[in-house]
């Protein structure tokens, strides 16, 4: 099996990785070759709220995943199937010499003088960079200025961190790059990053041949949100389109990637205009989920790189109709087939854990040999609850509240039947025979009955945690099959 190294550049990169983590938790597969992802966020703004939230979520995923094994399971797929490995990076690529430094100091602007007067080199730098650029502290990012980002991210000193990260790169491993095109960090970082990989041999990187010949995919996120007016901020949304056009023009003939995905939307929402740090914490957006799906598509495509002549496959994302809000039924058939059942399943599991789980501890499944020594105060169950809350009450709620809105579920409906909360997908009616046989069960009782049936089967070789996850996931998926034929 192989690893997929995913480089999320800037705030958009971090938010796309957040959506990908949620999809992987729900059991979405990356194909039959990728069993591990190595996500790395590249952002000089280390206190960025989007970055820190995503890093915390991926650590929580790892805590849960380390207790699970899929070798002895009847089904080899499932919740948290794909392993997430940080390669001792804390999911971040360290950038040298940016902390507590202004951009002018980084480029040694004041060094270019002649007898105390600006020389021709400094004059050139003054043409390329404004006074605000030069005074900008680098530890809050590039404030939407790709001209600054291209200097810092192209610094050879930063290759050292990359060398450490890629020391275990193997010939079947692949690379994926996530970036926006209308800001500062992503627009500058994407072309420089892919250039570094293709020139791995010249840079004397470890496993350089494997890196240079690796299949590389990338998603370029075009403008999909706006910013409220803030006269004190250097970020101006009026420049988004011009930056996008300039970057797209540069990309022609300057990229060497195998699959290039484009995603955008009409601007329907404007966020608070903050320049970075902890206050930059945008709501999850459907475009970021769609961008995460490009990673899923790349993993399943079994792409191979032709070093002699790269043939780039260009791909875009679409929905069935220009709807707002979007439900699962608005997704194209291929998209729904990749994530529909998994999202429904993990949504039901999340609600089950938060609303019903405590009531089931005396049921038959909880008295099986695999569960006899369980401690319900175990950190594993607390972590599952925390992740369930992050999935339903945070990520899904933010997707629902944003514009364009994605509402696959009625998250807070006051109903006794949780199966009625899946938007625009009606559960199948129970037949007369089914009602006579007592199978006309609604809501959590339907899941409880299925859990009882599954737990009585011989699930050999499973410890407590794997038994718990296997039983509950299989039961929920069985009910979904019966009620929705998915």
Protein backbone atom coordinates (compact mmCIF):
# COMPACT_ATOMS: atom_id res chain seq x y z
CA UNK A 1 0.00 0.00 0.00
CA UNK A 2 1.05 3.58 -0.59
CA UNK A 3 1.05 6.99 1.07
CA UNK A 4 -0.46 10.18 -0.29
CA UNK A 5 1.44 13.28 0.81
CA UNK A 6 -1.03 16.19 0.90
CA UNK A 7 0.28 19.74 1.11
CA UNK A 8 -2.37 22.22 2.21
CA UNK A 9 -1.13 25.74 1.54
CA UNK A 10 -2.52 28.66 3.53
CA UNK A 11 -5.93 28.99 5.15
CA UNK A 12 -7.80 27.37 2.27
CA UNK A 13 -5.43 24.40 2.36
CA UNK A 14 -6.12 23.94 6.07
CA UNK A 15 -9.89 24.12 5.61
CA UNK A 16 -9.87 21.61 2.75
CA UNK A 17 -7.87 19.22 4.93
CA UNK A 18 -10.50 19.65 7.64
CA UNK A 19 -13.21 18.52 5.21
CA UNK A 20 -11.06 15.62 4.01
CA UNK A 21 -10.56 14.47 7.61
CA UNK A 22 -14.33 14.41 8.12
CA UNK A 23 -14.81 12.38 4.92
CA UNK A 24 -12.15 9.85 5.93
CA UNK A 25 -13.71 9.51 9.38
CA UNK A 26 -16.98 8.58 7.71
CA UNK A 27 -15.26 5.77 5.81
CA UNK A 28 -14.73 7.42 2.41
CA UNK A 29 -12.07 5.45 0.54
CA UNK A 30 -9.05 6.76 -1.37
CA UNK A 31 -8.99 3.69 -3.59
CA UNK A 32 -7.32 0.33 -3.25
CA UNK A 33 -3.74 1.66 -3.24
CA UNK A 34 -3.71 4.51 -0.71
CA UNK A 35 -3.97 3.45 2.93
CA UNK A 36 -2.17 6.40 4.55
CA UNK A 37 -2.18 10.15 4.06
CA UNK A 38 0.55 12.50 5.24
CA UNK A 39 -1.10 15.93 5.55
CA UNK A 40 1.14 18.96 5.92
CA UNK A 41 -0.02 22.58 6.21
CA UNK A 42 2.28 25.28 4.84
CA UNK A 43 1.52 28.66 6.38
CA UNK A 44 3.84 31.17 8.07
CA UNK A 45 0.86 32.27 10.18
CA UNK A 46 1.24 29.49 12.76
CA UNK A 47 -1.53 30.88 14.99
CA UNK A 48 -4.06 30.96 12.14
CA UNK A 49 -7.39 29.79 13.53
CA UNK A 50 -8.18 27.61 10.51
CA UNK A 51 -4.78 25.92 10.82
CA UNK A 52 -4.91 25.22 14.56
CA UNK A 53 -8.47 23.86 14.36
CA UNK A 54 -7.54 21.47 11.55
CA UNK A 55 -4.39 20.29 13.31
CA UNK A 56 -6.38 19.56 16.48
CA UNK A 57 -8.97 17.61 14.49
CA UNK A 58 -6.32 15.48 12.77
CA UNK A 59 -4.70 14.71 16.11
CA UNK A 60 -8.08 13.61 17.46
CA UNK A 61 -8.57 11.38 14.38
CA UNK A 62 -5.15 9.80 15.04
CA UNK A 63 -5.98 9.12 18.70
CA UNK A 64 -9.08 7.20 17.63
CA UNK A 65 -7.39 5.47 14.69
CA UNK A 66 -4.49 4.12 16.76
CA UNK A 67 -6.92 1.82 18.59
CA UNK A 68 -8.35 0.36 15.39
CA UNK A 69 -7.24 -2.40 13.05
CA UNK A 70 -8.94 -3.64 9.89
CA UNK A 71 -7.05 -6.90 9.37
CA UNK A 72 -9.57 -9.15 11.15
CA UNK A 73 -12.72 -7.27 10.23
CA UNK A 74 -15.34 -8.86 8.00
CA UNK A 75 -15.36 -5.58 6.05
CA UNK A 76 -11.99 -4.07 5.24
CA UNK A 77 -13.44 -0.57 4.90
CA UNK A 78 -15.05 1.58 7.55
CA UNK A 79 -14.92 4.59 9.82
CA UNK A 80 -11.37 5.94 10.26
CA UNK A 81 -10.01 3.35 7.80
CA UNK A 82 -7.33 5.55 6.23
CA UNK A 83 -4.39 6.20 8.52
CA UNK A 84 -3.21 9.78 9.07
CA UNK A 85 0.54 10.14 9.73
CA UNK A 86 2.18 13.45 10.59
CA UNK A 87 5.75 12.16 10.07
CA UNK A 88 6.72 13.99 13.28
CA UNK A 89 5.82 17.38 11.77
CA UNK A 90 2.77 18.18 13.90
CA UNK A 91 1.11 18.51 10.49
CA UNK A 92 3.08 21.66 9.67
CA UNK A 93 6.05 22.45 7.45
CA UNK A 94 8.45 24.64 9.36
CA UNK A 95 9.47 27.82 7.54
CA UNK A 96 12.84 29.22 8.57
CA UNK A 97 13.43 32.79 9.72
CA UNK A 98 9.89 34.13 9.61
CA UNK A 99 9.08 34.45 13.31
CA UNK A 100 9.35 38.00 14.68
CA UNK A 101 10.67 39.26 11.36
CA UNK A 102 9.40 41.87 8.95
CA UNK A 103 9.57 41.26 5.23
CA UNK A 104 12.13 44.08 4.80
CA UNK A 105 14.45 42.30 7.23
CA UNK A 106 13.89 38.97 5.49
CA UNK A 107 15.12 40.33 2.14
CA UNK A 108 17.81 42.47 3.83
CA UNK A 109 16.29 45.59 2.34
CA UNK A 110 18.41 48.00 4.39
CA UNK A 111 21.61 46.28 3.33
CA UNK A 112 21.36 47.78 -0.13
CA UNK A 113 22.74 51.24 0.56
CA UNK A 114 25.70 53.26 -0.63
CA UNK A 115 27.06 55.74 1.91
CA UNK A 116 23.74 55.79 3.69
CA UNK A 117 21.75 56.33 0.51
CA UNK A 118 19.59 53.78 -1.28
CA UNK A 119 21.48 52.09 -4.11
CA UNK A 120 19.99 50.78 -7.35
CA UNK A 121 19.16 47.39 -5.81
CA UNK A 122 17.11 48.97 -3.03
CA UNK A 123 15.41 51.20 -5.56
CA UNK A 124 14.40 48.09 -7.53
CA UNK A 125 13.04 46.46 -4.37
CA UNK A 126 11.03 49.61 -3.66
CA UNK A 127 9.43 49.24 -7.08
CA UNK A 128 8.57 45.58 -6.48
CA UNK A 129 7.30 45.91 -2.91
CA UNK A 130 5.23 48.64 -1.28
CA UNK A 131 6.05 50.21 2.06
CA UNK A 132 3.27 48.10 3.59
CA UNK A 133 4.84 44.97 2.08
CA UNK A 134 8.22 45.83 3.56
CA UNK A 135 6.76 46.56 7.01
CA UNK A 136 4.65 43.41 7.05
CA UNK A 137 5.45 40.94 9.89
CA UNK A 138 5.84 37.51 8.30
CA UNK A 139 4.41 35.53 11.19
CA UNK A 140 0.89 36.64 10.19
CA UNK A 141 1.26 35.43 6.61
CA UNK A 142 1.55 37.35 3.35
CA UNK A 143 -1.74 39.27 3.61
CA UNK A 144 -2.84 38.37 0.13
CA UNK A 145 0.47 39.29 -1.53
CA UNK A 146 1.83 36.45 -3.70
CA UNK A 147 4.86 38.58 -4.63
CA UNK A 148 5.99 38.30 -1.01
CA UNK A 149 5.05 34.65 -0.73
CA UNK A 150 7.09 33.70 -3.79
CA UNK A 151 10.23 35.07 -2.12
CA UNK A 152 9.81 33.38 1.26
CA UNK A 153 8.53 30.03 -0.01
CA UNK A 154 11.31 29.80 -2.61
CA UNK A 155 14.01 30.18 0.04
CA UNK A 156 16.45 27.22 -0.20
CA UNK A 157 16.71 27.19 3.60
CA UNK A 158 13.16 25.87 3.73
CA UNK A 159 14.19 22.83 1.72
CA UNK A 160 15.65 21.35 4.92
CA UNK A 161 12.19 20.84 6.42
CA UNK A 162 11.00 19.26 3.20
CA UNK A 163 13.96 16.86 3.17
CA UNK A 164 13.10 15.68 6.67
CA UNK A 165 9.46 15.19 5.73
CA UNK A 166 10.18 13.17 2.58
CA UNK A 167 12.89 10.89 3.95
CA UNK A 168 10.48 7.92 3.89
CA UNK A 169 9.01 8.66 0.45
CA UNK A 170 8.72 5.50 -1.67
CA UNK A 171 8.31 4.80 -5.37
CA UNK A 172 4.54 4.14 -5.18
CA UNK A 173 3.77 7.18 -3.01
CA UNK A 174 1.93 10.15 -4.50
CA UNK A 175 1.66 13.90 -3.92
CA UNK A 176 -1.31 16.25 -3.85
CA UNK A 177 -1.22 20.04 -3.44
CA UNK A 178 -4.15 22.15 -2.19
CA UNK A 179 -4.07 25.92 -2.67
CA UNK A 180 -6.19 28.94 -3.38
CA UNK A 181 -5.29 31.15 -6.30
CA UNK A 182 -6.59 34.51 -5.10
CA UNK A 183 -4.59 35.07 -1.90
CA UNK A 184 -0.91 35.28 -1.08
CA UNK A 185 0.35 32.00 0.34
CA UNK A 186 -1.45 29.54 -1.93
CA UNK A 187 -0.99 31.41 -5.21
CA UNK A 188 2.75 31.64 -4.62
CA UNK A 189 3.27 28.27 -2.99
CA UNK A 190 1.64 25.91 -5.48
CA UNK A 191 3.93 26.42 -8.52
CA UNK A 192 7.03 26.63 -6.33
CA UNK A 193 6.14 23.45 -4.48
CA UNK A 194 5.53 21.31 -7.55
CA UNK A 195 8.76 22.69 -9.06
CA UNK A 196 10.66 21.56 -5.94
CA UNK A 197 9.33 18.02 -6.30
CA UNK A 198 10.14 17.73 -9.98
CA UNK A 199 13.67 19.03 -9.29
CA UNK A 200 14.25 16.73 -6.32
CA UNK A 201 17.32 15.16 -7.94
CA UNK A 202 18.98 18.53 -8.57
CA UNK A 203 18.27 19.51 -4.96
CA UNK A 204 19.82 16.25 -3.70
CA UNK A 205 16.69 15.33 -1.77
CA UNK A 206 16.43 11.83 -0.26
CA UNK A 207 14.64 9.31 -2.48
CA UNK A 208 14.95 11.99 -5.16
CA UNK A 209 14.12 9.72 -8.11
CA UNK A 210 10.92 8.49 -6.45
CA UNK A 211 9.87 12.07 -5.68
CA UNK A 212 10.70 13.46 -9.12
CA UNK A 213 8.76 10.65 -10.80
CA UNK A 214 5.78 10.66 -8.43
CA UNK A 215 2.26 11.25 -9.65
CA UNK A 216 1.26 14.77 -8.60
CA UNK A 217 -2.28 16.06 -8.33
CA UNK A 218 -3.42 19.52 -7.32
CA UNK A 219 -6.61 21.46 -6.73
CA UNK A 220 -6.65 25.18 -7.41
CA UNK A 221 -9.42 26.95 -5.54
CA UNK A 222 -10.65 30.04 -7.36
CA UNK A 223 -12.57 32.85 -5.59
CA UNK A 224 -15.58 31.51 -3.71
CA UNK A 225 -16.08 33.99 -0.88
CA UNK A 226 -15.73 37.71 -0.35
CA UNK A 227 -14.59 39.94 2.49
CA UNK A 228 -16.35 42.70 4.33
CA UNK A 229 -14.87 46.17 4.05
CA UNK A 230 -12.13 46.82 6.58
CA UNK A 231 -10.05 49.92 5.94
CA UNK A 232 -7.38 48.81 8.39
CA UNK A 233 -6.83 45.51 6.54
CA UNK A 234 -4.37 45.21 3.66
CA UNK A 235 -6.44 42.44 2.06
CA UNK A 236 -8.74 43.79 -0.64
CA UNK A 237 -11.25 41.46 -2.28
CA UNK A 238 -11.39 43.75 -5.31
CA UNK A 239 -8.01 42.28 -6.32
CA UNK A 240 -9.16 38.64 -6.15
CA UNK A 241 -10.10 38.38 -9.83
CA UNK A 242 -7.00 40.17 -11.12
CA UNK A 243 -4.78 37.94 -8.99
CA UNK A 244 -6.60 34.87 -10.27
CA UNK A 245 -6.15 35.91 -13.90
CA UNK A 246 -2.46 36.61 -13.38
CA UNK A 247 -1.86 33.28 -11.67
CA UNK A 248 -3.79 31.31 -14.31
CA UNK A 249 -1.76 32.98 -17.04
CA UNK A 250 1.47 32.01 -15.27
CA UNK A 251 0.32 28.43 -14.78
CA UNK A 252 0.18 27.95 -18.57
CA UNK A 253 3.40 26.20 -19.46
CA UNK A 254 4.86 26.41 -15.95
CA UNK A 255 3.25 23.43 -14.22
CA UNK A 256 4.22 19.77 -14.35
CA UNK A 257 1.33 17.95 -12.65
CA UNK A 258 -0.69 14.93 -13.73
CA UNK A 259 -4.17 15.90 -12.53
CA UNK A 260 -5.19 19.53 -12.05
CA UNK A 261 -8.58 20.23 -10.49
CA UNK A 262 -10.37 23.58 -10.59
CA UNK A 263 -13.16 24.59 -8.22
CA UNK A 264 -14.97 27.88 -7.67
CA UNK A 265 -18.40 29.36 -7.03
CA UNK A 266 -20.15 32.67 -7.34
CA UNK A 267 -19.44 34.77 -4.27
CA UNK A 268 -22.48 34.43 -2.03
CA UNK A 269 -20.95 35.22 1.34
CA UNK A 270 -18.57 37.79 2.76
CA UNK A 271 -16.45 36.93 5.78
CA UNK A 272 -15.00 39.35 8.30
CA UNK A 273 -11.84 40.86 6.84
CA UNK A 274 -9.10 39.75 9.24
CA UNK A 275 -5.48 39.47 8.23
CA UNK A 276 -4.73 36.25 10.05
CA UNK A 277 -3.90 34.82 13.47
CA UNK A 278 -6.53 33.29 15.74
CA UNK A 279 -9.37 35.46 14.37
CA UNK A 280 -9.11 33.85 10.92
CA UNK A 281 -11.52 30.99 11.50
CA UNK A 282 -13.92 30.74 8.58
CA UNK A 283 -16.99 28.54 8.55
CA UNK A 284 -16.70 25.32 6.57
CA UNK A 285 -17.78 25.87 2.96
CA UNK A 286 -19.15 23.48 0.34
CA UNK A 287 -16.37 24.50 -2.07
CA UNK A 288 -13.82 23.20 0.45
CA UNK A 289 -15.72 19.92 0.65
CA UNK A 290 -15.73 19.72 -3.15
CA UNK A 291 -11.99 20.42 -3.16
CA UNK A 292 -11.50 17.57 -0.69
CA UNK A 293 -13.40 15.34 -3.10
CA UNK A 294 -10.74 16.07 -5.72
CA UNK A 295 -8.25 14.35 -3.41
CA UNK A 296 -10.60 11.36 -3.20
CA UNK A 297 -10.87 11.29 -7.00
CA UNK A 298 -7.10 11.50 -7.41
CA UNK A 299 -6.52 8.63 -4.98
CA UNK A 300 -8.98 6.43 -6.84
CA UNK A 301 -7.63 7.31 -10.30
CA UNK A 302 -4.40 5.28 -9.96
CA UNK A 303 -2.47 8.01 -11.78
CA UNK A 304 1.01 7.23 -13.07
CA UNK A 305 3.51 9.92 -14.04
CA UNK A 306 5.15 9.92 -17.46
CA UNK A 307 8.43 11.74 -16.99
CA UNK A 308 9.17 11.99 -20.70
CA UNK A 309 6.01 13.94 -21.42
CA UNK A 310 3.52 14.86 -18.73
CA UNK A 311 -0.05 14.80 -19.96
CA UNK A 312 -2.12 16.86 -17.55
CA UNK A 313 -5.73 15.86 -16.98
CA UNK A 314 -7.87 18.93 -16.21
CA UNK A 315 -10.97 18.37 -14.11
CA UNK A 316 -13.77 20.49 -12.68
CA UNK A 317 -16.55 19.88 -10.18
CA UNK A 318 -20.26 20.28 -10.85
CA UNK A 319 -23.62 19.73 -9.18
CA UNK A 320 -26.87 18.71 -10.87
CA UNK A 321 -28.47 22.13 -10.62
CA UNK A 322 -27.69 25.63 -9.39
CA UNK A 323 -29.42 25.13 -6.05
CA UNK A 324 -29.06 26.94 -2.77
CA UNK A 325 -29.17 25.15 -0.40
CA UNK A 326 -27.70 21.93 -1.78
CA UNK A 327 -28.80 18.52 -0.55
CA UNK A 328 -27.36 15.08 -1.24
CA UNK A 329 -29.78 14.67 -4.15
CA UNK A 330 -28.17 17.67 -5.86
CA UNK A 331 -24.82 15.87 -6.08
CA UNK A 332 -23.95 14.12 -9.33
CA UNK A 333 -24.34 10.34 -9.38
CA UNK A 334 -20.59 9.68 -9.18
CA UNK A 335 -20.15 12.07 -6.25
CA UNK A 336 -23.11 10.65 -4.37
CA UNK A 337 -21.76 7.15 -4.97
CA UNK A 338 -18.40 8.13 -3.46
CA UNK A 339 -19.60 9.82 -0.29
CA UNK A 340 -23.39 9.60 0.09
CA UNK A 341 -23.79 6.41 2.12
CA UNK A 342 -20.69 7.20 4.18
CA UNK A 343 -21.85 10.68 5.15
CA UNK A 344 -25.32 9.41 6.07
CA UNK A 345 -23.81 6.58 8.08
CA UNK A 346 -21.42 8.73 10.09
CA UNK A 347 -24.09 11.37 10.63
CA UNK A 348 -26.37 8.72 12.16
CA UNK A 349 -23.47 7.33 14.19
CA UNK A 350 -22.64 10.82 15.49
CA UNK A 351 -26.21 11.44 16.60
CA UNK A 352 -26.36 7.96 18.13
CA UNK A 353 -23.20 8.61 20.18
CA UNK A 354 -24.40 11.97 21.47
CA UNK A 355 -28.11 11.28 21.96
CA UNK A 356 -28.62 7.57 22.58
CA UNK A 357 -25.42 5.73 23.40
CA UNK A 358 -25.66 6.16 27.19
CA UNK A 359 -29.01 4.37 27.17
CA UNK A 360 -27.60 1.21 25.57
CA UNK A 361 -24.94 0.15 28.07
CA UNK A 362 -27.19 -2.54 29.57
CA UNK A 363 -28.21 -3.99 26.22
CA UNK A 364 -27.15 -7.45 25.06
CA UNK A 365 -24.28 -6.23 22.83
CA UNK A 366 -22.68 -4.53 25.86
CA UNK A 367 -22.56 -7.88 27.72
CA UNK A 368 -20.72 -9.83 25.02
CA UNK A 369 -17.24 -11.26 25.85
CA UNK A 370 -15.54 -8.52 23.86
CA UNK A 371 -17.14 -5.82 26.03
CA UNK A 372 -17.00 -7.48 29.43
CA UNK A 373 -13.95 -5.56 30.67
CA UNK A 374 -14.84 -2.22 29.13
CA UNK A 375 -14.65 1.03 31.02
CA UNK A 376 -17.26 3.46 29.75
CA UNK A 377 -15.06 6.29 31.00
CA UNK A 378 -12.31 5.18 28.63
CA UNK A 379 -10.70 7.98 26.61
CA UNK A 380 -11.60 6.13 23.42
CA UNK A 381 -15.33 6.72 23.93
CA UNK A 382 -14.74 10.31 25.02
CA UNK A 383 -12.72 10.90 21.85
CA UNK A 384 -15.48 9.37 19.72
CA UNK A 385 -18.04 11.69 21.31
CA UNK A 386 -15.78 14.67 20.74
CA UNK A 387 -15.29 13.76 17.09
CA UNK A 388 -19.04 13.17 16.65
CA UNK A 389 -19.69 16.64 18.04
CA UNK A 390 -17.08 18.15 15.70
CA UNK A 391 -18.70 16.36 12.75
CA UNK A 392 -22.36 17.19 13.38
CA UNK A 393 -22.52 20.27 15.57
CA UNK A 394 -19.55 22.08 14.05
CA UNK A 395 -18.59 20.99 10.52
CA UNK A 396 -22.04 20.02 9.20
CA UNK A 397 -23.66 22.99 10.94
CA UNK A 398 -21.13 25.40 9.42
CA UNK A 399 -21.71 23.92 5.95
CA UNK A 400 -25.43 24.39 6.48
CA UNK A 401 -25.13 27.97 7.76
CA UNK A 402 -22.72 29.14 5.04
CA UNK A 403 -23.52 30.49 1.57
CA UNK A 404 -23.73 28.55 -0.64
CA UNK A 405 -25.41 26.30 1.92
CA UNK A 406 -24.96 22.52 1.98
CA UNK A 407 -27.80 20.89 3.96
CA UNK A 408 -27.72 17.11 3.62
CA UNK A 409 -29.40 16.71 7.02
CA UNK A 410 -31.90 18.51 9.24
CA UNK A 411 -29.43 18.67 12.08
CA UNK A 412 -31.64 19.84 14.90
CA UNK A 413 -35.09 18.60 13.91
CA UNK A 414 -37.37 17.77 16.83
CA UNK A 415 -38.47 14.29 15.76
CA UNK A 416 -38.61 10.81 17.22
CA UNK A 417 -37.31 9.28 14.00
CA UNK A 418 -33.76 10.25 13.12
CA UNK A 419 -34.28 8.75 9.67
CA UNK A 420 -36.65 11.58 8.84
CA UNK A 421 -33.80 14.09 9.17
CA UNK A 422 -32.04 13.14 5.92
CA UNK A 423 -33.07 15.90 3.56
CA UNK A 424 -35.05 14.98 0.42
CA UNK A 425 -34.40 11.24 0.77
CA UNK A 426 -37.49 9.45 1.98
CA UNK A 427 -37.05 6.19 3.92
CA UNK A 428 -38.78 3.17 2.42
CA UNK A 429 -42.11 2.14 3.92
CA UNK A 430 -42.19 -1.09 5.90
CA UNK A 431 -44.29 -3.76 4.22
CA UNK A 432 -47.36 -5.29 5.85
CA UNK A 433 -45.40 -8.48 6.49
CA UNK A 434 -42.61 -6.48 8.07
CA UNK A 435 -45.05 -4.77 10.41
CA UNK A 436 -46.59 -8.12 11.37
CA UNK A 437 -43.10 -9.44 12.15
CA UNK A 438 -42.32 -6.46 14.35
CA UNK A 439 -39.85 -4.82 11.95
CA UNK A 440 -41.69 -1.52 11.69
CA UNK A 441 -39.07 0.14 13.88
CA UNK A 442 -38.23 3.81 13.75
CA UNK A 443 -35.24 5.83 14.89
CA UNK A 444 -32.76 4.47 17.36
CA UNK A 445 -34.80 1.31 18.19
CA UNK A 446 -34.21 0.21 14.58
CA UNK A 447 -30.46 0.63 15.08
CA UNK A 448 -30.60 -1.08 18.49
CA UNK A 449 -32.28 -4.13 16.98
CA UNK A 450 -29.69 -4.34 14.23
CA UNK A 451 -26.84 -3.95 16.75
CA UNK A 452 -28.23 -6.87 18.71
CA UNK A 453 -28.31 -9.05 15.58
CA UNK A 454 -24.81 -8.10 14.45
CA UNK A 455 -23.25 -8.51 17.89
CA UNK A 456 -24.47 -12.10 18.13
CA UNK A 457 -22.51 -13.12 15.07
CA UNK A 458 -19.06 -14.59 15.54
CA UNK A 459 -16.71 -11.63 15.15
CA UNK A 460 -13.49 -13.44 15.99
CA UNK A 461 -10.22 -11.74 16.75
CA UNK A 462 -11.69 -8.34 17.54
CA UNK A 463 -10.76 -6.52 20.71
CA UNK A 464 -13.12 -4.18 22.54
CA UNK A 465 -12.62 -1.09 20.40
CA UNK A 466 -12.72 -2.86 17.04
CA UNK A 467 -15.76 -4.88 18.13
CA UNK A 468 -17.58 -1.72 19.21
CA UNK A 469 -16.89 0.17 15.97
CA UNK A 470 -17.57 -2.86 13.75
CA UNK A 471 -20.89 -3.69 15.39
CA UNK A 472 -22.23 -0.14 15.39
CA UNK A 473 -21.06 0.71 11.89
CA UNK A 474 -22.36 -2.55 10.41
CA UNK A 475 -25.71 -2.10 12.16
CA UNK A 476 -26.16 1.47 10.91
CA UNK A 477 -25.17 0.49 7.37
CA UNK A 478 -27.60 -2.44 7.44
CA UNK A 479 -30.43 -0.12 8.46
CA UNK A 480 -29.46 2.38 5.75
CA UNK A 481 -29.57 -0.42 3.18
CA UNK A 482 -33.03 -1.47 4.34
CA UNK A 483 -34.50 2.01 4.61
CA UNK A 484 -32.86 3.76 1.66
CA UNK A 485 -31.42 0.95 -0.48
CA UNK A 486 -28.07 2.77 -0.49
